[in-house]
Amino acid sequence: MFKIKSYFQETYHEMVHNVTWPTWQELQNNTILVVVASILISLTIFAMDFLFGISGEEDAMWKGLIGFIYGIF
């Protein structure tokens, strides 16, 4: 039981005294960066799927991922 208590005390000490936490401004900037990157990557994947999934036939085998998902439902 002593080892468990010691572990939590050392973990608390490490988190409070040794970890460098980001400032609120850094946290906001990084969050915006992640959101923008996620949107850009998702739009790129959607565009690639849309372009390569297009075919002239209605009953084509490959309609892209979106066409496949809509076909299930």
C-alpha atoms as a PDB file:
ATOM      1  CA  MET A   1       0.000   0.000   0.000  1.00  0.00           C
ATOM      2  CA  PHE A   2       2.942   2.304   0.662  1.00  0.00           C
ATOM      3  CA  LYS A   3       4.117   1.933  -2.960  1.00  0.00           C
ATOM      4  CA  ILE A   4       0.744   3.021  -4.310  1.00  0.00           C
ATOM      5  CA  LYS A   5       0.636   6.063  -2.030  1.00  0.00           C
ATOM      6  CA  SER A   6       4.217   6.929  -2.960  1.00  0.00           C
ATOM      7  CA  TYR A   7       3.416   6.589  -6.653  1.00  0.00           C
ATOM      8  CA  PHE A   8       0.529   9.080  -6.427  1.00  0.00           C
ATOM      9  CA  GLN A   9       2.585  11.525  -4.369  1.00  0.00           C
ATOM     10  CA  GLU A  10       5.447  11.413  -6.860  1.00  0.00           C
ATOM     11  CA  THR A  11       3.045  11.760  -9.776  1.00  0.00           C
ATOM     12  CA  TYR A  12       1.404  14.797  -8.187  1.00  0.00           C
ATOM     13  CA  HIS A  13       4.798  16.369  -7.483  1.00  0.00           C
ATOM     14  CA  GLU A  14       5.911  15.758 -11.066  1.00  0.00           C
ATOM     15  CA  MET A  15       2.744  17.233 -12.559  1.00  0.00           C
ATOM     16  CA  VAL A  16       2.759  20.329 -10.335  1.00  0.00           C
ATOM     17  CA  HIS A  17       6.450  21.181 -10.175  1.00  0.00           C
ATOM     18  CA  ASN A  18       8.220  19.683 -13.200  1.00  0.00           C
ATOM     19  CA  VAL A  19       5.736  19.774 -16.073  1.00  0.00           C
ATOM     20  CA  THR A  20       5.680  22.909 -18.202  1.00  0.00           C
ATOM     21  CA  TRP A  21       2.037  23.626 -18.936  1.00  0.00           C
ATOM     22  CA  PRO A  22       1.106  25.757 -21.953  1.00  0.00           C
ATOM     23  CA  THR A  23      -0.286  29.199 -21.443  1.00  0.00           C
ATOM     24  CA  TRP A  24      -3.908  29.926 -22.323  1.00  0.00           C
ATOM     25  CA  GLN A  25      -2.801  31.762 -25.491  1.00  0.00           C
ATOM     26  CA  GLU A  26      -0.610  28.834 -26.600  1.00  0.00           C
ATOM     27  CA  LEU A  27      -3.461  26.420 -25.956  1.00  0.00           C
ATOM     28  CA  GLN A  28      -5.871  28.498 -28.052  1.00  0.00           C
ATOM     29  CA  ASN A  29      -3.381  28.827 -30.915  1.00  0.00           C
ATOM     30  CA  ASN A  30      -2.666  25.105 -30.955  1.00  0.00           C
ATOM     31  CA  THR A  31      -6.383  24.288 -30.860  1.00  0.00           C
ATOM     32  CA  ILE A  32      -7.049  26.546 -33.852  1.00  0.00           C
ATOM     33  CA  LEU A  33      -4.136  24.944 -35.700  1.00  0.00           C
ATOM     34  CA  VAL A  34      -5.505  21.445 -35.086  1.00  0.00           C
ATOM     35  CA  VAL A  35      -9.044  22.421 -36.154  1.00  0.00           C
ATOM     36  CA  VAL A  36      -7.825  24.071 -39.374  1.00  0.00           C
ATOM     37  CA  ALA A  37      -5.538  21.143 -40.216  1.00  0.00           C
ATOM     38  CA  SER A  38      -8.364  18.662 -39.565  1.00  0.00           C
ATOM     39  CA  ILE A  39     -10.716  20.574 -41.849  1.00  0.00           C
ATOM     40  CA  LEU A  40      -8.121  20.812 -44.624  1.00  0.00           C
ATOM     41  CA  ILE A  41      -7.250  17.127 -44.431  1.00  0.00           C
ATOM     42  CA  SER A  42     -10.906  16.078 -44.401  1.00  0.00           C
ATOM     43  CA  LEU A  43     -11.680  18.309 -47.409  1.00  0.00           C
ATOM     44  CA  THR A  44      -8.689  16.868 -49.277  1.00  0.00           C
ATOM     45  CA  ILE A  45      -9.810  13.306 -48.591  1.00  0.00           C
ATOM     46  CA  PHE A  46     -13.394  14.167 -49.599  1.00  0.00           C
ATOM     47  CA  ALA A  47     -12.229  15.793 -52.843  1.00  0.00           C
ATOM     48  CA  MET A  48     -10.019  12.810 -53.726  1.00  0.00           C
ATOM     49  CA  ASP A  49     -12.840  10.384 -52.976  1.00  0.00           C
ATOM     50  CA  PHE A  50     -15.308  12.433 -54.977  1.00  0.00           C
ATOM     51  CA  LEU A  51     -13.014  12.783 -57.992  1.00  0.00           C
ATOM     52  CA  PHE A  52     -11.873   9.179 -58.131  1.00  0.00           C
ATOM     53  CA  GLY A  53     -15.307   7.816 -57.282  1.00  0.00           C
ATOM     54  CA  ILE A  54     -17.107   9.507 -60.165  1.00  0.00           C
ATOM     55  CA  SER A  55     -18.226   7.309 -63.008  1.00  0.00           C
ATOM     56  CA  GLY A  56     -20.696   7.908 -65.801  1.00  0.00           C
ATOM     57  CA  GLU A  57     -22.823   4.889 -64.969  1.00  0.00           C
ATOM     58  CA  GLU A  58     -25.441   4.869 -62.240  1.00  0.00           C
ATOM     59  CA  ASP A  59     -24.826   1.230 -61.287  1.00  0.00           C
ATOM     60  CA  ALA A  60     -21.034   1.438 -61.382  1.00  0.00           C
ATOM     61  CA  MET A  61     -19.102  -0.774 -58.977  1.00  0.00           C
ATOM     62  CA  TRP A  62     -17.101   2.062 -57.423  1.00  0.00           C
ATOM     63  CA  LYS A  63     -18.948   5.254 -56.494  1.00  0.00           C
ATOM     64  CA  GLY A  64     -16.488   6.442 -53.896  1.00  0.00           C
ATOM     65  CA  LEU A  65     -16.718   6.025 -50.162  1.00  0.00           C
ATOM     66  CA  ILE A  66     -19.676   8.368 -49.838  1.00  0.00           C
ATOM     67  CA  GLY A  67     -21.592   6.465 -52.525  1.00  0.00           C
ATOM     68  CA  PHE A  68     -20.801   3.212 -50.748  1.00  0.00           C
ATOM     69  CA  ILE A  69     -22.055   4.542 -47.414  1.00  0.00           C
ATOM     70  CA  TYR A  70     -25.245   5.923 -48.996  1.00  0.00           C
ATOM     71  CA  GLY A  71     -25.755   2.589 -50.735  1.00  0.00           C
ATOM     72  CA  ILE A  72     -25.802   0.780 -47.395  1.00  0.00           C
ATOM     73  CA  PHE A  73     -28.576   2.944 -45.970  1.00  0.00           C
END
